[in-house]
Amino acid sequence: MSLMNRARSTLTGILGASVLLAGALVGVSATSASAAEHCRNNTAEARSWAASGQFETRGTNAWYVSLWVPAPGGGFIRKRYLNKVELRYNRPSRCVWGLWNGAGRSRVYLDISSNGGRTWDGPLGLSKNATSAYTGTFNDRNLVARACVQVDGVFHCTPWW
């Protein structure tokens, strides 16, 4: 092979590799852009992922409450109810959201921190006042998050994750 053909072949290889690399970089930024389109305080998105099972539970804080409720036939009986706040996560989108299930009506929200929980922004994604509710979704890239709920004046939060 002549020197000219070798140079041409090397140049073609370098240009081909450059095109492949540029395509890969465009693919990475397109993926990042599509992930950024999610996680914008969207409760419908959280409900959809929860219904399809596309989430991981990152933290739970659960406790029981005892309430007196009317008994069949009269009087009252004491019943125990589970209260639970969860931090949930969808790995492909890097979205987090909170879920509240409890005996009483309350509002769940998220706290987001960039320094491990020493300081934080919140309450974010405050849900409606209900016995079961989701926060909106938020991107957790380079952040930690926790889900919190206030019940009877007491704050209950998941661990930071």
Protein backbone atom coordinates (compact mmCIF):
# COMPACT_ATOMS: atom_id res chain seq x y z
CA MET A 1 0.00 0.00 0.00
CA SER A 2 1.41 3.39 -0.97
CA LEU A 3 2.06 6.13 1.53
CA MET A 4 -0.79 8.16 0.03
CA ASN A 5 -3.28 5.27 0.39
CA ARG A 6 -2.16 4.64 3.97
CA ALA A 7 -2.66 8.30 4.86
CA ARG A 8 -6.09 8.26 3.18
CA SER A 9 -7.06 5.08 5.09
CA THR A 10 -5.89 6.52 8.43
CA LEU A 11 -7.75 9.78 7.80
CA THR A 12 -10.92 7.87 6.89
CA GLY A 13 -10.63 5.86 10.13
CA ILE A 14 -10.16 8.99 12.22
CA LEU A 15 -13.12 10.72 10.57
CA GLY A 16 -15.30 7.63 11.05
CA ALA A 17 -14.39 7.43 14.73
CA SER A 18 -15.13 11.15 15.11
CA VAL A 19 -18.58 10.72 13.57
CA LEU A 20 -19.33 7.76 15.88
CA LEU A 21 -18.15 9.71 18.93
CA ALA A 22 -20.23 12.74 17.95
CA GLY A 23 -23.25 10.48 17.51
CA ALA A 24 -22.70 8.94 20.93
CA LEU A 25 -22.42 12.38 22.54
CA VAL A 26 -25.62 13.53 20.85
CA GLY A 27 -27.29 10.37 22.12
CA VAL A 28 -26.16 11.08 25.69
CA SER A 29 -27.43 14.65 25.59
CA ALA A 30 -30.71 13.53 24.03
CA THR A 31 -31.17 11.00 26.83
CA SER A 32 -30.40 13.67 29.42
CA ALA A 33 -32.81 16.06 27.72
CA SER A 34 -35.61 13.49 27.69
CA ALA A 35 -35.00 12.69 31.38
CA ALA A 36 -35.13 16.42 32.14
CA GLU A 37 -38.59 16.57 30.56
CA HIS A 38 -39.84 14.43 33.45
CA CYS A 39 -39.72 15.14 37.16
CA ARG A 40 -41.46 18.50 37.08
CA ASN A 41 -43.78 18.29 40.12
CA ASN A 42 -46.09 15.94 38.22
CA THR A 43 -48.45 13.87 40.40
CA ALA A 44 -49.93 12.09 37.35
CA GLU A 45 -46.43 10.83 36.50
CA ALA A 46 -45.97 9.48 40.04
CA ARG A 47 -49.37 7.72 39.93
CA SER A 48 -48.56 6.18 36.54
CA TRP A 49 -45.21 4.75 37.68
CA ALA A 50 -46.77 3.52 40.93
CA ALA A 51 -49.61 1.76 39.08
CA SER A 52 -47.17 0.05 36.71
CA GLY A 53 -44.76 -0.95 39.49
CA GLN A 54 -41.91 1.06 37.91
CA PHE A 55 -40.41 2.29 41.16
CA GLU A 56 -38.18 1.40 44.09
CA THR A 57 -39.03 2.31 47.68
CA ARG A 58 -36.08 4.31 48.99
CA GLY A 59 -37.30 4.94 52.53
CA THR A 60 -40.31 4.32 54.75
CA ASN A 61 -41.49 5.73 58.04
CA ALA A 62 -44.42 3.76 59.46
CA TRP A 63 -46.26 3.95 62.77
CA TYR A 64 -49.57 2.81 64.24
CA VAL A 65 -52.31 4.94 65.73
CA SER A 66 -55.18 3.71 67.84
CA LEU A 67 -58.59 5.23 67.32
CA TRP A 68 -61.94 4.64 69.00
CA VAL A 69 -64.53 3.85 66.36
CA PRO A 70 -68.24 3.00 66.59
CA ALA A 71 -68.83 -0.70 67.17
CA PRO A 72 -71.54 -2.66 65.40
CA GLY A 73 -74.44 -2.86 67.82
CA GLY A 74 -73.43 0.25 69.75
CA GLY A 75 -70.56 1.48 71.83
CA PHE A 76 -67.00 1.95 70.68
CA ILE A 77 -64.04 -0.28 69.96
CA ARG A 78 -60.39 0.58 69.69
CA LYS A 79 -58.82 -0.05 66.26
CA ARG A 80 -55.20 0.21 65.19
CA TYR A 81 -54.38 1.87 61.86
CA LEU A 82 -51.09 1.95 60.02
CA ASN A 83 -49.76 5.33 58.95
CA LYS A 84 -46.96 5.30 56.37
CA VAL A 85 -44.95 7.82 54.40
CA GLU A 86 -42.65 6.52 51.61
CA LEU A 87 -39.99 7.95 49.34
CA ARG A 88 -40.24 6.33 45.91
CA TYR A 89 -37.83 6.42 42.98
CA ASN A 90 -37.92 5.69 39.23
CA ARG A 91 -34.33 4.85 38.21
CA PRO A 92 -34.47 5.53 34.41
CA SER A 93 -35.82 9.05 34.88
CA ARG A 94 -34.11 9.78 38.23
CA CYS A 95 -37.46 10.98 39.58
CA VAL A 96 -38.40 10.82 43.27
CA TRP A 97 -41.80 11.33 44.84
CA GLY A 98 -43.55 10.82 48.15
CA LEU A 99 -46.57 8.71 49.08
CA TRP A 100 -48.78 9.05 52.16
CA ASN A 101 -51.21 6.39 53.39
CA GLY A 102 -52.76 6.92 56.78
CA ALA A 103 -55.69 6.88 59.14
CA GLY A 104 -56.19 10.62 59.00
CA ARG A 105 -56.11 13.24 56.30
CA SER A 106 -52.74 14.86 55.78
CA ARG A 107 -50.47 16.32 53.10
CA VAL A 108 -47.23 14.67 51.99
CA TYR A 109 -44.30 16.67 50.62
CA LEU A 110 -40.61 16.33 49.70
CA ASP A 111 -37.50 17.99 51.03
CA ILE A 112 -34.53 18.15 48.61
CA SER A 113 -30.93 18.80 49.72
CA SER A 114 -27.63 19.31 47.91
CA ASN A 115 -25.50 18.86 51.06
CA GLY A 116 -26.71 15.59 52.55
CA GLY A 117 -29.59 17.07 54.54
CA ARG A 118 -27.76 19.77 56.50
CA THR A 119 -29.98 22.33 54.74
CA TRP A 120 -32.83 21.73 52.32
CA ASP A 121 -35.50 23.16 50.06
CA GLY A 122 -39.04 22.22 50.93
CA PRO A 123 -41.84 21.58 51.27
CA LEU A 124 -41.94 20.66 47.56
CA GLY A 125 -44.76 18.95 45.68
CA LEU A 126 -47.25 19.40 48.51
CA SER A 127 -50.09 16.95 47.96
CA LYS A 128 -53.79 17.43 48.49
CA ASN A 129 -55.13 16.84 52.01
CA ALA A 130 -56.14 13.16 51.91
CA THR A 131 -55.75 9.75 53.55
CA SER A 132 -53.70 8.60 50.53
CA ALA A 133 -51.81 11.00 48.28
CA TYR A 134 -48.72 11.45 46.08
CA THR A 135 -46.39 14.41 45.82
CA GLY A 136 -45.25 15.62 42.46
CA THR A 137 -42.10 14.14 40.92
CA PHE A 138 -38.68 15.78 41.18
CA ASN A 139 -35.28 15.01 39.62
CA ASP A 140 -32.78 13.90 42.26
CA ARG A 141 -29.58 14.23 40.19
CA ASN A 142 -26.77 15.21 42.63
CA LEU A 143 -29.33 15.62 45.42
CA VAL A 144 -30.77 13.69 48.33
CA ALA A 145 -34.46 13.67 49.14
CA ARG A 146 -36.89 12.64 51.87
CA ALA A 147 -40.67 12.43 52.03
CA CYS A 148 -42.45 13.98 55.00
CA VAL A 149 -45.95 14.29 56.41
CA GLN A 150 -47.32 16.23 59.37
CA VAL A 151 -49.88 14.33 61.45
CA ASP A 152 -51.47 15.87 64.56
CA GLY A 153 -48.74 18.51 64.71
CA VAL A 154 -45.88 15.96 64.53
CA PHE A 155 -43.59 15.69 61.49
CA HIS A 156 -42.73 12.20 60.23
CA CYS A 157 -40.06 11.85 57.54
CA THR A 158 -38.28 9.06 55.72
CA PRO A 159 -34.50 8.93 55.95
CA TRP A 160 -32.55 11.05 53.46
CA TRP A 161 -31.76 9.11 50.30
